[in-house]
Protein backbone atom coordinates (compact mmCIF):
# COMPACT_ATOMS: atom_id res chain seq x y z
CA UNK A 1 10.65 14.55 14.43
CA UNK A 2 12.20 14.45 11.00
CA UNK A 3 10.15 11.61 9.14
CA UNK A 4 6.42 10.84 9.14
CA UNK A 5 5.39 7.47 7.70
CA UNK A 6 1.83 6.74 6.80
CA UNK A 7 0.97 3.06 7.34
CA UNK A 8 -2.12 0.82 7.43
CA UNK A 9 -2.95 -1.35 10.36
CA UNK A 10 -1.75 -4.64 8.75
CA UNK A 11 0.40 -6.72 11.17
CA UNK A 12 3.12 -8.17 8.92
CA UNK A 13 5.70 -5.85 10.27
CA UNK A 14 8.62 -7.66 11.51
CA UNK A 15 10.07 -7.71 15.03
CA UNK A 16 13.13 -6.17 13.61
CA UNK A 17 11.26 -3.29 12.03
CA UNK A 18 9.42 -2.66 15.35
CA UNK A 19 12.76 -2.60 17.20
CA UNK A 20 14.14 -0.15 14.69
CA UNK A 21 11.09 2.11 14.95
CA UNK A 22 11.31 1.97 18.65
CA UNK A 23 14.98 2.98 18.68
CA UNK A 24 14.26 6.01 16.37
CA UNK A 25 10.93 7.18 17.89
CA UNK A 26 12.39 10.72 18.27
CA UNK A 27 12.90 10.98 14.49
CA UNK A 28 10.38 8.75 12.94
CA UNK A 29 6.56 9.11 13.61
CA UNK A 30 4.07 6.50 12.31
CA UNK A 31 0.73 7.95 11.27
CA UNK A 32 -1.97 5.31 10.77
CA UNK A 33 -4.68 5.35 8.17
CA UNK A 34 -8.19 5.28 9.62
CA UNK A 35 -9.75 1.83 10.06
CA UNK A 36 -12.18 0.97 7.27
CA UNK A 37 -11.27 3.79 4.97
CA UNK A 38 -9.29 2.47 2.03
CA UNK A 39 -9.97 5.69 0.22
CA UNK A 40 -7.34 7.36 2.33
CA UNK A 41 -4.72 4.74 1.37
CA UNK A 42 -3.13 5.17 -2.09
CA UNK A 43 -1.85 1.57 -2.03
CA UNK A 44 -5.53 0.41 -2.07
CA UNK A 45 -6.00 2.35 -5.31
CA UNK A 46 -3.00 0.47 -6.77
CA UNK A 47 -4.57 -2.87 -5.75
CA UNK A 48 -7.80 -1.82 -7.36
CA UNK A 49 -6.31 -0.88 -10.74
CA UNK A 50 -4.09 -3.93 -10.71
CA UNK A 51 -6.99 -6.30 -9.98
CA UNK A 52 -8.96 -4.87 -12.89
CA UNK A 53 -6.13 -5.48 -15.30
CA UNK A 54 -5.29 -8.90 -13.93
CA UNK A 55 -8.85 -10.33 -13.69
CA UNK A 56 -9.77 -9.13 -17.19
CA UNK A 57 -7.16 -11.60 -18.64
CA UNK A 58 -7.69 -15.34 -18.87
CA UNK A 59 -4.98 -17.37 -17.02
CA UNK A 60 -4.75 -21.08 -17.94
CA UNK A 61 -2.97 -22.20 -14.81
CA UNK A 62 -2.30 -20.99 -11.25
CA UNK A 63 1.45 -20.57 -12.18
CA UNK A 64 0.45 -18.37 -15.20
CA UNK A 65 -1.72 -16.28 -12.78
CA UNK A 66 1.12 -15.86 -10.28
CA UNK A 67 3.42 -14.96 -13.06
CA UNK A 68 1.11 -12.28 -14.49
CA UNK A 69 0.37 -10.83 -11.09
CA UNK A 70 4.18 -10.38 -10.52
CA UNK A 71 4.78 -8.87 -13.96
CA UNK A 72 1.72 -6.55 -13.67
CA UNK A 73 2.74 -5.04 -10.35
CA UNK A 74 6.37 -4.71 -11.35
CA UNK A 75 5.70 -3.01 -14.69
CA UNK A 76 2.59 -0.97 -14.23
CA UNK A 77 2.78 2.72 -13.81
CA UNK A 78 -0.28 3.45 -11.51
CA UNK A 79 -2.27 6.64 -11.98
CA UNK A 80 -2.54 8.32 -8.69
CA UNK A 81 -3.29 11.86 -7.70
CA UNK A 82 -1.30 11.48 -4.58
CA UNK A 83 -2.20 15.03 -3.25
CA UNK A 84 -5.75 13.97 -3.30
CA UNK A 85 -4.93 11.54 -0.39
CA UNK A 86 -3.17 14.06 1.70
CA UNK A 87 -5.92 16.65 1.34
CA UNK A 88 -8.88 14.46 2.58
CA UNK A 89 -10.20 15.02 5.96
CA UNK A 90 -12.25 12.80 8.44
CA UNK A 91 -15.61 14.15 9.27
């Protein structure tokens, strides 16, 4: 195994992606985050930080909200202590 990928259990992974992973199962290993434990997933922290910023601003229309969501997630540098996520253990 050469690559380990940490993923959540969301199901939007495409058929093409699943086929690729099946073909490369000797070199790519998927490691799943535990169910119901968002504190292990750094992406969840990005969502939390982004929601705070976006929801603290008034948006006059739905289109303005959508635009601000896109801009926010494209331009924000999230503050993550990534090592913290890999050092956690499950009791």
